[in-house]
Amino acid sequence: MTVTVVQFGGSNCDRDSVRALDHLGIDAERRWFEDGLHEETDGILLPGGFSYGDYLRAGAMAARAPIMESVHEAAADGTPVLGICNGAQIGAESDLVEGVFTTNASARFQCEHVHVRVERADTPWTAAYEEGEVLRLPIAHGEGRFEIDEQAYADLQATDRVLFRYCDPDGNVTEAANPNGSTGNVAGIVGERDTTAVLMPHPERATLPDVAANTDGQEILRAFR
């Protein structure tokens, strides 16, 4: 299979993502957004970075690139689509998922390791984990606060689309464990199909054992297989 890693102007985690996928034995190819998806695309990864300098809003300009129409069509057909950090912002801005990502409550760029709790273990992205399992993953964002209106959040919970929540090392979901002020400590969600997911932490930075403090993110990326 081939995973297309979409590169926008300002993407800076595309090479990291390709290297992490290659390490897991998954064929991956970077693709400049103007060139469209690879013709043999079996999976799509929207990587982190600062597409178009985060002008207007993070991910807003990339979300309107023509390639996103193809991403939406692929997602509707069940092709696995994963948005990481800026890719999550692009996914929200393009309505692949509900909600938005806004400026962190601290009004600072947060670059640190956090803990997230697996809320669902029955999706492709979390099938290798147990529900309630705690992962340690890095974050690096200035606009990572997930926000959504009260009714939409209730619907999100009712349809069981929260994938990860920020927590402490023991799995307790607390305000202190929330690095950016996200509604409900949400760190990742799935779309209408659970083959589409976005998350703010970086699993690709917790995949390579020679550079990562841990490899808790490997199984999220291995889902593409």
N, C-alpha and C. Protein backbone atom coordinates (compact mmCIF):
# COMPACT_ATOMS: atom_id res chain seq x y z
N MET A 1 0.84 -1.18 0.00
CA MET A 1 0.00 0.00 0.00
C MET A 1 0.88 1.23 0.00
N THR A 2 0.32 2.37 -0.42
CA THR A 2 1.05 3.63 -0.43
C THR A 2 0.27 4.68 0.36
N VAL A 3 0.93 5.26 1.35
CA VAL A 3 0.35 6.36 2.10
C VAL A 3 0.88 7.66 1.51
N THR A 4 -0.02 8.53 1.10
CA THR A 4 0.38 9.84 0.60
C THR A 4 0.46 10.81 1.75
N VAL A 5 1.64 11.38 1.95
CA VAL A 5 1.85 12.41 2.97
C VAL A 5 1.79 13.75 2.24
N VAL A 6 0.73 14.50 2.46
CA VAL A 6 0.49 15.73 1.70
C VAL A 6 1.36 16.86 2.25
N GLN A 7 2.11 17.49 1.36
CA GLN A 7 2.99 18.58 1.73
C GLN A 7 2.42 19.90 1.24
N PHE A 8 2.19 20.81 2.19
CA PHE A 8 1.76 22.17 1.87
C PHE A 8 2.93 23.11 2.11
N GLY A 9 2.82 24.34 1.62
CA GLY A 9 3.82 25.33 1.95
C GLY A 9 3.81 25.57 3.45
N GLY A 10 4.92 25.29 4.12
CA GLY A 10 5.00 25.45 5.57
C GLY A 10 4.90 24.16 6.34
N SER A 11 4.57 23.04 5.66
CA SER A 11 4.61 21.74 6.34
C SER A 11 6.05 21.47 6.78
N ASN A 12 6.23 20.94 7.99
CA ASN A 12 7.60 20.63 8.40
C ASN A 12 7.73 19.28 9.09
N CYS A 13 6.65 18.51 9.08
CA CYS A 13 6.72 17.17 9.67
C CYS A 13 6.49 16.09 8.62
N ASP A 14 6.49 16.49 7.36
CA ASP A 14 6.23 15.52 6.30
C ASP A 14 7.35 14.49 6.18
N ARG A 15 8.60 14.94 6.28
CA ARG A 15 9.72 13.99 6.20
C ARG A 15 9.74 13.09 7.43
N ASP A 16 9.46 13.66 8.60
CA ASP A 16 9.39 12.86 9.82
C ASP A 16 8.34 11.76 9.68
N SER A 17 7.20 12.12 9.10
CA SER A 17 6.11 11.16 8.95
C SER A 17 6.49 10.04 8.00
N VAL A 18 7.13 10.40 6.88
CA VAL A 18 7.55 9.38 5.92
C VAL A 18 8.57 8.45 6.55
N ARG A 19 9.52 9.00 7.28
CA ARG A 19 10.54 8.17 7.91
C ARG A 19 9.91 7.23 8.94
N ALA A 20 8.95 7.73 9.72
CA ALA A 20 8.30 6.89 10.73
C ALA A 20 7.51 5.76 10.06
N LEU A 21 6.79 6.08 8.99
CA LEU A 21 6.03 5.05 8.29
C LEU A 21 6.96 4.02 7.65
N ASP A 22 8.04 4.50 7.04
CA ASP A 22 9.00 3.58 6.44
C ASP A 22 9.57 2.63 7.49
N HIS A 23 9.84 3.16 8.68
CA HIS A 23 10.36 2.33 9.78
C HIS A 23 9.40 1.21 10.13
N LEU A 24 8.11 1.46 9.95
CA LEU A 24 7.09 0.46 10.26
C LEU A 24 6.78 -0.44 9.07
N GLY A 25 7.54 -0.27 7.99
CA GLY A 25 7.35 -1.11 6.82
C GLY A 25 6.17 -0.69 5.96
N ILE A 26 5.78 0.57 6.07
CA ILE A 26 4.65 1.10 5.31
C ILE A 26 5.19 2.04 4.24
N ASP A 27 4.88 1.76 2.99
CA ASP A 27 5.34 2.60 1.88
C ASP A 27 4.66 3.97 1.97
N ALA A 28 5.47 5.01 1.97
CA ALA A 28 4.93 6.37 2.08
C ALA A 28 5.65 7.29 1.11
N GLU A 29 4.90 8.24 0.59
CA GLU A 29 5.46 9.17 -0.39
C GLU A 29 4.96 10.58 -0.11
N ARG A 30 5.90 11.52 -0.03
CA ARG A 30 5.50 12.91 0.10
C ARG A 30 4.93 13.39 -1.24
N ARG A 31 3.89 14.20 -1.16
CA ARG A 31 3.25 14.68 -2.37
C ARG A 31 2.92 16.16 -2.22
N TRP A 32 3.50 16.99 -3.08
CA TRP A 32 3.20 18.42 -3.07
C TRP A 32 1.73 18.60 -3.39
N PHE A 33 1.04 19.44 -2.64
CA PHE A 33 -0.42 19.54 -2.73
C PHE A 33 -0.92 19.85 -4.13
N GLU A 34 -0.16 20.61 -4.90
CA GLU A 34 -0.60 20.97 -6.25
C GLU A 34 -0.58 19.78 -7.20
N ASP A 35 0.13 18.72 -6.83
CA ASP A 35 0.24 17.55 -7.70
C ASP A 35 -0.87 16.52 -7.45
N GLY A 36 -1.72 16.77 -6.48
CA GLY A 36 -2.82 15.85 -6.19
C GLY A 36 -2.33 14.59 -5.48
N LEU A 37 -3.26 13.74 -5.15
CA LEU A 37 -2.92 12.50 -4.46
C LEU A 37 -2.20 11.54 -5.39
N HIS A 38 -1.35 10.72 -4.82
CA HIS A 38 -0.71 9.65 -5.59
C HIS A 38 -1.79 8.76 -6.16
N GLU A 39 -1.63 8.32 -7.39
CA GLU A 39 -2.70 7.56 -8.06
C GLU A 39 -2.96 6.21 -7.39
N GLU A 40 -2.00 5.73 -6.61
CA GLU A 40 -2.18 4.46 -5.91
C GLU A 40 -2.36 4.66 -4.41
N THR A 41 -2.91 5.80 -4.03
CA THR A 41 -3.07 6.13 -2.61
C THR A 41 -4.01 5.16 -1.89
N ASP A 42 -3.49 4.56 -0.82
CA ASP A 42 -4.30 3.67 0.03
C ASP A 42 -4.51 4.27 1.41
N GLY A 43 -3.85 5.38 1.67
CA GLY A 43 -3.97 6.07 2.95
C GLY A 43 -3.45 7.48 2.80
N ILE A 44 -3.91 8.40 3.63
CA ILE A 44 -3.53 9.81 3.53
C ILE A 44 -3.13 10.32 4.90
N LEU A 45 -1.99 11.00 4.96
CA LEU A 45 -1.56 11.62 6.20
C LEU A 45 -1.36 13.11 5.96
N LEU A 46 -2.04 13.93 6.76
CA LEU A 46 -1.88 15.38 6.73
C LEU A 46 -0.93 15.71 7.88
N PRO A 47 0.31 16.11 7.58
CA PRO A 47 1.33 16.24 8.62
C PRO A 47 1.28 17.57 9.36
N GLY A 48 2.12 17.63 10.39
CA GLY A 48 2.23 18.85 11.17
C GLY A 48 3.07 19.90 10.49
N GLY A 49 3.11 21.07 11.10
CA GLY A 49 3.87 22.19 10.56
C GLY A 49 3.11 23.49 10.73
N PHE A 50 3.36 24.40 9.85
CA PHE A 50 2.73 25.72 9.92
C PHE A 50 2.31 26.12 8.51
N SER A 51 1.37 25.40 7.94
CA SER A 51 0.98 25.65 6.56
C SER A 51 0.58 27.12 6.38
N TYR A 52 1.26 27.74 5.41
CA TYR A 52 1.02 29.14 5.08
C TYR A 52 1.17 30.06 6.29
N GLY A 53 2.10 29.67 7.17
CA GLY A 53 2.43 30.52 8.31
C GLY A 53 1.31 30.68 9.32
N ASP A 54 0.30 29.80 9.24
CA ASP A 54 -0.87 29.89 10.13
C ASP A 54 -1.59 31.23 9.99
N TYR A 55 -1.45 31.87 8.81
CA TYR A 55 -2.19 33.11 8.58
C TYR A 55 -3.69 32.84 8.60
N LEU A 56 -4.47 33.84 8.92
CA LEU A 56 -5.92 33.75 9.15
C LEU A 56 -6.16 32.93 10.39
N ARG A 57 -6.11 31.60 10.25
CA ARG A 57 -6.20 30.65 11.36
C ARG A 57 -5.35 29.46 10.97
N ALA A 58 -4.85 28.74 11.95
CA ALA A 58 -4.02 27.58 11.65
C ALA A 58 -4.81 26.59 10.80
N GLY A 59 -4.27 26.25 9.63
CA GLY A 59 -4.88 25.26 8.75
C GLY A 59 -5.94 25.81 7.82
N ALA A 60 -6.34 27.07 7.99
CA ALA A 60 -7.46 27.60 7.22
C ALA A 60 -7.17 27.70 5.73
N MET A 61 -5.96 28.11 5.37
CA MET A 61 -5.65 28.27 3.95
C MET A 61 -5.43 26.92 3.28
N ALA A 62 -4.70 26.02 3.94
CA ALA A 62 -4.48 24.69 3.36
C ALA A 62 -5.79 23.95 3.19
N ALA A 63 -6.74 24.18 4.09
CA ALA A 63 -8.03 23.50 4.03
C ALA A 63 -8.79 23.82 2.75
N ARG A 64 -8.44 24.92 2.11
CA ARG A 64 -9.14 25.35 0.91
C ARG A 64 -8.37 25.01 -0.37
N ALA A 65 -7.28 24.27 -0.24
CA ALA A 65 -6.54 23.82 -1.41
C ALA A 65 -7.35 22.76 -2.15
N PRO A 66 -7.31 22.74 -3.48
CA PRO A 66 -8.10 21.78 -4.26
C PRO A 66 -7.86 20.32 -3.87
N ILE A 67 -6.66 19.98 -3.40
CA ILE A 67 -6.39 18.59 -3.04
C ILE A 67 -7.31 18.10 -1.93
N MET A 68 -7.81 19.03 -1.11
CA MET A 68 -8.67 18.61 0.00
C MET A 68 -10.00 18.05 -0.49
N GLU A 69 -10.42 18.43 -1.69
CA GLU A 69 -11.62 17.81 -2.26
C GLU A 69 -11.37 16.33 -2.50
N SER A 70 -10.17 16.02 -2.99
CA SER A 70 -9.82 14.61 -3.22
C SER A 70 -9.68 13.88 -1.90
N VAL A 71 -9.16 14.55 -0.87
CA VAL A 71 -9.04 13.94 0.45
C VAL A 71 -10.43 13.61 1.00
N HIS A 72 -11.37 14.53 0.84
CA HIS A 72 -12.74 14.29 1.30
C HIS A 72 -13.37 13.11 0.57
N GLU A 73 -13.16 13.05 -0.72
CA GLU A 73 -13.73 11.94 -1.50
C GLU A 73 -13.14 10.60 -1.05
N ALA A 74 -11.82 10.59 -0.83
CA ALA A 74 -11.17 9.37 -0.38
C ALA A 74 -11.67 8.97 1.01
N ALA A 75 -11.82 9.95 1.89
CA ALA A 75 -12.30 9.67 3.25
C ALA A 75 -13.72 9.10 3.20
N ALA A 76 -14.56 9.65 2.34
CA ALA A 76 -15.94 9.16 2.22
C ALA A 76 -15.98 7.73 1.71
N ASP A 77 -14.95 7.33 0.95
CA ASP A 77 -14.88 5.97 0.44
C ASP A 77 -14.24 5.00 1.42
N GLY A 78 -13.81 5.54 2.59
CA GLY A 78 -13.22 4.68 3.61
C GLY A 78 -11.71 4.60 3.60
N THR A 79 -11.06 5.40 2.76
CA THR A 79 -9.60 5.43 2.78
C THR A 79 -9.14 6.02 4.11
N PRO A 80 -8.20 5.39 4.79
CA PRO A 80 -7.72 5.93 6.07
C PRO A 80 -7.10 7.31 5.90
N VAL A 81 -7.54 8.26 6.71
CA VAL A 81 -7.02 9.62 6.68
C VAL A 81 -6.67 10.02 8.11
N LEU A 82 -5.44 10.45 8.32
CA LEU A 82 -4.98 10.87 9.64
C LEU A 82 -4.39 12.27 9.56
N GLY A 83 -4.88 13.18 10.39
CA GLY A 83 -4.35 14.52 10.48
C GLY A 83 -3.64 14.70 11.81
N ILE A 84 -2.38 15.15 11.76
CA ILE A 84 -1.57 15.31 12.97
C ILE A 84 -1.21 16.77 13.16
N CYS A 85 -1.54 17.34 14.30
CA CYS A 85 -1.20 18.72 14.66
C CYS A 85 -1.74 19.70 13.62
N ASN A 86 -0.89 20.29 12.78
CA ASN A 86 -1.41 21.18 11.74
C ASN A 86 -2.36 20.42 10.82
N GLY A 87 -2.09 19.13 10.64
CA GLY A 87 -3.01 18.30 9.85
C GLY A 87 -4.36 18.16 10.52
N ALA A 88 -4.38 18.17 11.85
CA ALA A 88 -5.65 18.15 12.57
C ALA A 88 -6.39 19.46 12.38
N GLN A 89 -5.63 20.55 12.42
CA GLN A 89 -6.24 21.86 12.20
C GLN A 89 -6.82 21.95 10.79
N ILE A 90 -6.08 21.43 9.80
CA ILE A 90 -6.57 21.41 8.42
C ILE A 90 -7.83 20.55 8.32
N GLY A 91 -7.81 19.40 9.01
CA GLY A 91 -8.97 18.52 8.99
C GLY A 91 -10.20 19.17 9.56
N ALA A 92 -10.04 19.94 10.64
CA ALA A 92 -11.18 20.63 11.24
C ALA A 92 -11.65 21.77 10.36
N GLU A 93 -10.70 22.53 9.82
CA GLU A 93 -11.06 23.67 8.97
C GLU A 93 -11.75 23.23 7.68
N SER A 94 -11.47 22.01 7.23
CA SER A 94 -12.08 21.52 5.99
C SER A 94 -13.29 20.63 6.26
N ASP A 95 -13.70 20.55 7.53
CA ASP A 95 -14.89 19.78 7.93
C ASP A 95 -14.74 18.28 7.77
N LEU A 96 -13.50 17.78 7.81
CA LEU A 96 -13.33 16.33 7.90
C LEU A 96 -13.80 15.84 9.25
N VAL A 97 -13.65 16.71 10.26
CA VAL A 97 -14.13 16.43 11.62
C VAL A 97 -14.81 17.68 12.14
N GLU A 98 -15.52 17.53 13.23
CA GLU A 98 -16.21 18.67 13.84
C GLU A 98 -15.28 19.43 14.76
N GLY A 99 -15.68 20.65 15.10
CA GLY A 99 -14.91 21.48 16.02
C GLY A 99 -13.84 22.29 15.33
N VAL A 100 -13.11 23.06 16.13
CA VAL A 100 -12.00 23.88 15.63
C VAL A 100 -10.86 23.80 16.63
N PHE A 101 -9.67 24.20 16.18
CA PHE A 101 -8.51 24.29 17.07
C PHE A 101 -8.08 25.75 17.14
N THR A 102 -8.05 26.28 18.35
CA THR A 102 -7.78 27.71 18.53
C THR A 102 -6.55 27.90 19.43
N THR A 103 -6.24 29.17 19.70
CA THR A 103 -5.07 29.52 20.49
C THR A 103 -5.11 28.87 21.87
N ASN A 104 -3.98 28.31 22.27
CA ASN A 104 -3.89 27.67 23.58
C ASN A 104 -4.33 28.61 24.70
N ALA A 105 -4.91 28.06 25.73
CA ALA A 105 -5.37 28.87 26.86
C ALA A 105 -4.22 29.67 27.47
N SER A 106 -3.01 29.13 27.40
CA SER A 106 -1.84 29.82 27.94
C SER A 106 -1.38 30.97 27.04
N ALA A 107 -1.90 31.01 25.80
CA ALA A 107 -1.45 31.97 24.78
C ALA A 107 0.03 31.78 24.47
N ARG A 108 0.54 30.59 24.75
CA ARG A 108 1.93 30.27 24.48
C ARG A 108 2.03 29.04 23.59
N PHE A 109 3.15 28.93 22.90
CA PHE A 109 3.45 27.72 22.15
C PHE A 109 3.84 26.64 23.15
N GLN A 110 3.14 25.51 23.12
CA GLN A 110 3.39 24.42 24.06
C GLN A 110 4.20 23.33 23.35
N CYS A 111 5.40 23.06 23.86
CA CYS A 111 6.26 22.02 23.30
C CYS A 111 6.74 21.15 24.45
N GLU A 112 6.14 19.99 24.60
CA GLU A 112 6.41 19.15 25.76
C GLU A 112 5.82 17.76 25.52
N HIS A 113 6.11 16.84 26.41
CA HIS A 113 5.47 15.54 26.37
C HIS A 113 4.22 15.58 27.24
N VAL A 114 3.17 14.94 26.77
CA VAL A 114 1.92 14.86 27.51
C VAL A 114 1.47 13.41 27.57
N HIS A 115 0.47 13.17 28.40
CA HIS A 115 -0.14 11.85 28.45
C HIS A 115 -1.56 11.94 27.89
N VAL A 116 -1.94 10.93 27.14
CA VAL A 116 -3.31 10.86 26.61
C VAL A 116 -3.89 9.49 26.93
N ARG A 117 -5.17 9.47 27.19
CA ARG A 117 -5.87 8.22 27.49
C ARG A 117 -6.66 7.76 26.27
N VAL A 118 -6.54 6.49 25.96
CA VAL A 118 -7.29 5.91 24.84
C VAL A 118 -8.75 5.79 25.25
N GLU A 119 -9.63 6.49 24.56
CA GLU A 119 -11.05 6.47 24.89
C GLU A 119 -11.80 5.37 24.14
N ARG A 120 -11.29 5.00 22.98
CA ARG A 120 -11.88 3.91 22.19
C ARG A 120 -10.77 3.00 21.69
N ALA A 121 -10.97 1.72 21.80
CA ALA A 121 -9.97 0.77 21.31
C ALA A 121 -10.51 -0.03 20.13
N ASP A 122 -11.62 0.44 19.56
CA ASP A 122 -12.25 -0.30 18.47
C ASP A 122 -12.17 0.45 17.14
N THR A 123 -11.17 1.34 17.01
CA THR A 123 -10.95 2.03 15.75
C THR A 123 -9.65 1.51 15.15
N PRO A 124 -9.44 1.72 13.85
CA PRO A 124 -8.16 1.29 13.26
C PRO A 124 -6.96 1.91 13.96
N TRP A 125 -7.11 3.14 14.44
CA TRP A 125 -5.99 3.89 15.02
C TRP A 125 -5.65 3.43 16.43
N THR A 126 -6.56 2.77 17.09
CA THR A 126 -6.35 2.40 18.50
C THR A 126 -6.53 0.92 18.76
N ALA A 127 -6.66 0.12 17.70
CA ALA A 127 -6.95 -1.31 17.86
C ALA A 127 -5.85 -2.06 18.62
N ALA A 128 -4.63 -1.53 18.59
CA ALA A 128 -3.52 -2.21 19.26
C ALA A 128 -3.43 -1.84 20.75
N TYR A 129 -4.27 -0.92 21.19
CA TYR A 129 -4.25 -0.47 22.57
C TYR A 129 -5.49 -1.00 23.31
N GLU A 130 -5.47 -0.82 24.63
CA GLU A 130 -6.63 -1.14 25.45
C GLU A 130 -7.37 0.15 25.78
N GLU A 131 -8.68 0.08 25.87
CA GLU A 131 -9.43 1.24 26.31
C GLU A 131 -8.94 1.64 27.70
N GLY A 132 -8.66 2.92 27.87
CA GLY A 132 -8.14 3.40 29.15
C GLY A 132 -6.62 3.39 29.24
N GLU A 133 -5.94 2.81 28.24
CA GLU A 133 -4.48 2.79 28.23
C GLU A 133 -3.94 4.22 28.09
N VAL A 134 -2.84 4.48 28.76
CA VAL A 134 -2.23 5.81 28.74
C VAL A 134 -0.98 5.79 27.87
N LEU A 135 -0.91 6.75 26.93
CA LEU A 135 0.24 6.90 26.05
C LEU A 135 0.96 8.20 26.39
N ARG A 136 2.27 8.20 26.17
CA ARG A 136 3.06 9.42 26.35
C ARG A 136 3.52 9.87 24.98
N LEU A 137 3.07 11.06 24.58
CA LEU A 137 3.33 11.58 23.24
C LEU A 137 3.75 13.05 23.33
N PRO A 138 4.55 13.52 22.37
CA PRO A 138 4.93 14.93 22.37
C PRO A 138 3.89 15.81 21.68
N ILE A 139 3.79 17.05 22.14
CA ILE A 139 2.99 18.06 21.45
C ILE A 139 3.90 19.23 21.09
N ALA A 140 3.50 19.98 20.10
CA ALA A 140 4.23 21.19 19.70
C ALA A 140 3.25 22.06 18.92
N HIS A 141 2.52 22.92 19.63
CA HIS A 141 1.50 23.72 18.95
C HIS A 141 1.20 25.01 19.73
N GLY A 142 0.78 25.98 18.98
CA GLY A 142 0.32 27.24 19.57
C GLY A 142 -1.19 27.38 19.51
N GLU A 143 -1.82 26.59 18.61
CA GLU A 143 -3.27 26.64 18.45
C GLU A 143 -3.81 25.22 18.52
N GLY A 144 -3.70 24.62 19.69
CA GLY A 144 -4.13 23.23 19.85
C GLY A 144 -5.36 23.05 20.70
N ARG A 145 -5.95 24.14 21.13
CA ARG A 145 -7.13 24.04 22.00
C ARG A 145 -8.36 23.65 21.17
N PHE A 146 -8.88 22.47 21.43
CA PHE A 146 -10.06 22.00 20.72
C PHE A 146 -11.29 22.67 21.30
N GLU A 147 -12.07 23.30 20.43
CA GLU A 147 -13.29 23.97 20.88
C GLU A 147 -14.46 23.54 20.00
N ILE A 148 -15.60 23.45 20.62
CA ILE A 148 -16.81 23.00 19.93
C ILE A 148 -18.00 23.46 20.76
N ASP A 149 -19.12 23.77 20.14
CA ASP A 149 -20.24 24.25 20.93
C ASP A 149 -20.85 23.12 21.76
N GLU A 150 -21.60 23.50 22.75
CA GLU A 150 -22.08 22.55 23.76
C GLU A 150 -22.89 21.41 23.15
N GLN A 151 -23.80 21.72 22.24
CA GLN A 151 -24.64 20.68 21.65
C GLN A 151 -23.81 19.74 20.77
N ALA A 152 -22.90 20.32 19.98
CA ALA A 152 -22.06 19.49 19.11
C ALA A 152 -21.15 18.60 19.94
N TYR A 153 -20.67 19.11 21.09
CA TYR A 153 -19.83 18.29 21.96
C TYR A 153 -20.64 17.15 22.55
N ALA A 154 -21.88 17.43 22.92
CA ALA A 154 -22.75 16.38 23.44
C ALA A 154 -22.97 15.30 22.38
N ASP A 155 -23.15 15.73 21.13
CA ASP A 155 -23.34 14.79 20.03
C ASP A 155 -22.06 13.98 19.80
N LEU A 156 -20.91 14.65 19.93
CA LEU A 156 -19.62 13.98 19.74
C LEU A 156 -19.46 12.85 20.77
N GLN A 157 -19.86 13.14 21.99
CA GLN A 157 -19.77 12.12 23.04
C GLN A 157 -20.81 11.03 22.85
N ALA A 158 -22.02 11.44 22.46
CA ALA A 158 -23.10 10.46 22.29
C ALA A 158 -22.79 9.47 21.17
N THR A 159 -22.06 9.93 20.16
CA THR A 159 -21.70 9.06 19.04
C THR A 159 -20.31 8.44 19.23
N ASP A 160 -19.72 8.66 20.40
CA ASP A 160 -18.46 8.00 20.79
C ASP A 160 -17.34 8.30 19.80
N ARG A 161 -17.15 9.58 19.50
CA ARG A 161 -16.13 9.95 18.52
C ARG A 161 -14.89 10.60 19.13
N VAL A 162 -14.82 10.62 20.46
CA VAL A 162 -13.59 11.09 21.11
C VAL A 162 -12.60 9.94 21.14
N LEU A 163 -11.43 10.15 20.59
CA LEU A 163 -10.43 9.09 20.45
C LEU A 163 -9.42 9.10 21.60
N PHE A 164 -8.94 10.30 21.94
CA PHE A 164 -7.96 10.46 23.02
C PHE A 164 -8.34 11.67 23.87
N ARG A 165 -8.03 11.60 25.17
CA ARG A 165 -8.15 12.75 26.07
C ARG A 165 -6.84 12.94 26.81
N TYR A 166 -6.48 14.20 27.04
CA TYR A 166 -5.32 14.50 27.86
C TYR A 166 -5.59 14.04 29.29
N CYS A 167 -4.57 13.44 29.90
CA CYS A 167 -4.74 12.90 31.24
C CYS A 167 -3.41 12.98 31.99
N ASP A 168 -3.42 12.59 33.27
CA ASP A 168 -2.16 12.48 34.01
C ASP A 168 -1.58 11.09 33.79
N PRO A 169 -0.39 10.80 34.29
CA PRO A 169 0.23 9.49 34.03
C PRO A 169 -0.60 8.30 34.50
N ASP A 170 -1.52 8.55 35.43
CA ASP A 170 -2.36 7.46 35.94
C ASP A 170 -3.69 7.33 35.19
N GLY A 171 -3.87 8.18 34.18
CA GLY A 171 -5.10 8.09 33.39
C GLY A 171 -6.23 8.96 33.87
N ASN A 172 -5.98 9.81 34.86
CA ASN A 172 -7.02 10.70 35.35
C ASN A 172 -7.14 11.93 34.46
N VAL A 173 -8.33 12.18 33.97
CA VAL A 173 -8.57 13.35 33.11
C VAL A 173 -8.85 14.55 34.01
N THR A 174 -7.86 15.42 34.11
CA THR A 174 -7.94 16.57 35.01
C THR A 174 -7.62 17.86 34.28
N GLU A 175 -8.01 18.97 34.89
CA GLU A 175 -7.70 20.27 34.30
C GLU A 175 -6.19 20.48 34.24
N ALA A 176 -5.48 20.02 35.26
CA ALA A 176 -4.03 20.20 35.31
C ALA A 176 -3.32 19.44 34.20
N ALA A 177 -3.94 18.36 33.73
CA ALA A 177 -3.33 17.54 32.68
C ALA A 177 -3.64 18.05 31.28
N ASN A 178 -4.46 19.09 31.20
CA ASN A 178 -4.88 19.65 29.91
C ASN A 178 -3.88 20.73 29.49
N PRO A 179 -3.05 20.50 28.49
CA PRO A 179 -1.97 21.45 28.18
C PRO A 179 -2.42 22.71 27.44
N ASN A 180 -3.62 22.69 26.87
CA ASN A 180 -4.01 23.81 26.01
C ASN A 180 -5.43 24.35 26.25
N GLY A 181 -6.15 23.75 27.18
CA GLY A 181 -7.51 24.21 27.48
C GLY A 181 -8.58 23.58 26.61
N SER A 182 -8.27 22.47 25.96
CA SER A 182 -9.24 21.82 25.07
C SER A 182 -10.52 21.43 25.80
N THR A 183 -11.65 21.63 25.14
CA THR A 183 -12.94 21.20 25.68
C THR A 183 -12.88 19.71 26.01
N GLY A 184 -13.26 19.38 27.24
CA GLY A 184 -13.30 17.99 27.64
C GLY A 184 -11.96 17.28 27.59
N ASN A 185 -10.85 18.04 27.60
CA ASN A 185 -9.50 17.46 27.51
C ASN A 185 -9.29 16.67 26.22
N VAL A 186 -10.07 16.99 25.18
CA VAL A 186 -10.00 16.23 23.93
C VAL A 186 -8.66 16.46 23.24
N ALA A 187 -7.99 15.34 22.90
CA ALA A 187 -6.71 15.39 22.20
C ALA A 187 -6.82 14.83 20.79
N GLY A 188 -7.87 14.07 20.52
CA GLY A 188 -8.06 13.48 19.20
C GLY A 188 -9.47 12.97 19.03
N ILE A 189 -9.99 13.06 17.81
CA ILE A 189 -11.35 12.61 17.52
C ILE A 189 -11.38 11.90 16.17
N VAL A 190 -12.46 11.19 15.93
CA VAL A 190 -12.68 10.59 14.62
C VAL A 190 -13.83 11.33 13.94
N GLY A 191 -13.89 11.19 12.61
CA GLY A 191 -14.94 11.82 11.83
C GLY A 191 -16.18 10.94 11.77
N GLU A 192 -16.98 11.15 10.73
CA GLU A 192 -18.19 10.33 10.58
C GLU A 192 -17.83 8.86 10.41
N ARG A 193 -16.71 8.60 9.75
CA ARG A 193 -16.16 7.24 9.66
C ARG A 193 -14.97 7.17 10.61
N ASP A 194 -14.81 6.04 11.29
CA ASP A 194 -13.68 5.96 12.20
C ASP A 194 -12.35 5.71 11.48
N THR A 195 -12.40 5.65 10.16
CA THR A 195 -11.17 5.59 9.37
C THR A 195 -10.57 6.98 9.17
N THR A 196 -11.28 8.02 9.58
CA THR A 196 -10.78 9.38 9.54
C THR A 196 -10.55 9.86 10.97
N ALA A 197 -9.36 10.32 11.26
CA ALA A 197 -9.05 10.77 12.61
C ALA A 197 -8.09 11.94 12.58
N VAL A 198 -8.17 12.79 13.61
CA VAL A 198 -7.20 13.87 13.79
C VAL A 198 -6.79 13.88 15.26
N LEU A 199 -5.54 14.29 15.50
CA LEU A 199 -5.06 14.44 16.87
C LEU A 199 -3.96 15.48 16.91
N MET A 200 -3.84 16.17 18.05
CA MET A 200 -2.81 17.19 18.18
C MET A 200 -1.44 16.62 18.55
N PRO A 201 -1.33 15.62 19.41
CA PRO A 201 0.00 15.05 19.69
C PRO A 201 0.61 14.40 18.44
N HIS A 202 1.92 14.22 18.48
CA HIS A 202 2.68 13.73 17.34
C HIS A 202 3.09 12.27 17.50
N PRO A 203 2.35 11.31 16.97
CA PRO A 203 2.77 9.91 17.09
C PRO A 203 4.04 9.61 16.30
N GLU A 204 4.27 10.35 15.20
CA GLU A 204 5.48 10.10 14.40
C GLU A 204 6.74 10.45 15.16
N ARG A 205 6.63 11.31 16.17
CA ARG A 205 7.78 11.68 16.99
C ARG A 205 7.96 10.72 18.17
N ALA A 206 7.10 9.74 18.26
CA ALA A 206 7.22 8.71 19.29
C ALA A 206 7.14 7.35 18.61
N THR A 207 7.91 7.22 17.52
CA THR A 207 7.91 5.99 16.72
C THR A 207 9.31 5.42 16.52
N LEU A 208 10.27 6.27 16.25
CA LEU A 208 11.62 5.80 15.94
C LEU A 208 12.42 5.60 17.23
N PRO A 209 12.79 4.37 17.54
CA PRO A 209 13.47 4.10 18.82
C PRO A 209 14.83 4.76 18.95
N ASP A 210 15.47 5.11 17.82
CA ASP A 210 16.80 5.71 17.90
C ASP A 210 16.75 7.21 18.20
N VAL A 211 15.56 7.82 18.09
CA VAL A 211 15.47 9.26 18.36
C VAL A 211 14.40 9.62 19.38
N ALA A 212 13.48 8.71 19.66
CA ALA A 212 12.36 9.01 20.55
C ALA A 212 12.60 8.48 21.96
N ALA A 213 12.08 9.21 22.93
CA ALA A 213 12.18 8.77 24.32
C ALA A 213 11.33 7.52 24.55
N ASN A 214 10.29 7.37 23.77
CA ASN A 214 9.46 6.17 23.82
C ASN A 214 8.84 5.97 22.44
N THR A 215 8.20 4.85 22.27
CA THR A 215 7.61 4.53 20.96
C THR A 215 6.10 4.29 21.08
N ASP A 216 5.45 5.04 21.96
CA ASP A 216 4.01 4.86 22.19
C ASP A 216 3.18 5.19 20.97
N GLY A 217 3.73 5.96 20.02
CA GLY A 217 2.94 6.36 18.86
C GLY A 217 2.97 5.39 17.71
N GLN A 218 3.80 4.36 17.80
CA GLN A 218 3.96 3.44 16.66
C GLN A 218 2.64 2.85 16.20
N GLU A 219 1.83 2.36 17.13
CA GLU A 219 0.65 1.61 16.73
C GLU A 219 -0.42 2.49 16.09
N ILE A 220 -0.38 3.79 16.39
CA ILE A 220 -1.32 4.70 15.71
C ILE A 220 -1.01 4.72 14.22
N LEU A 221 0.27 4.87 13.88
CA LEU A 221 0.67 4.90 12.48
C LEU A 221 0.57 3.53 11.82
N ARG A 222 0.80 2.48 12.59
CA ARG A 222 0.73 1.13 12.04
C ARG A 222 -0.68 0.79 11.55
N ALA A 223 -1.65 1.58 11.98
CA ALA A 223 -3.04 1.36 11.56
C ALA A 223 -3.19 1.44 10.05
N PHE A 224 -2.30 2.18 9.38
CA PHE A 224 -2.39 2.29 7.92
C PHE A 224 -2.22 0.93 7.26
N ARG A 225 -1.62 -0.02 7.93
CA ARG A 225 -1.43 -1.34 7.35
C ARG A 225 -2.71 -2.15 7.36
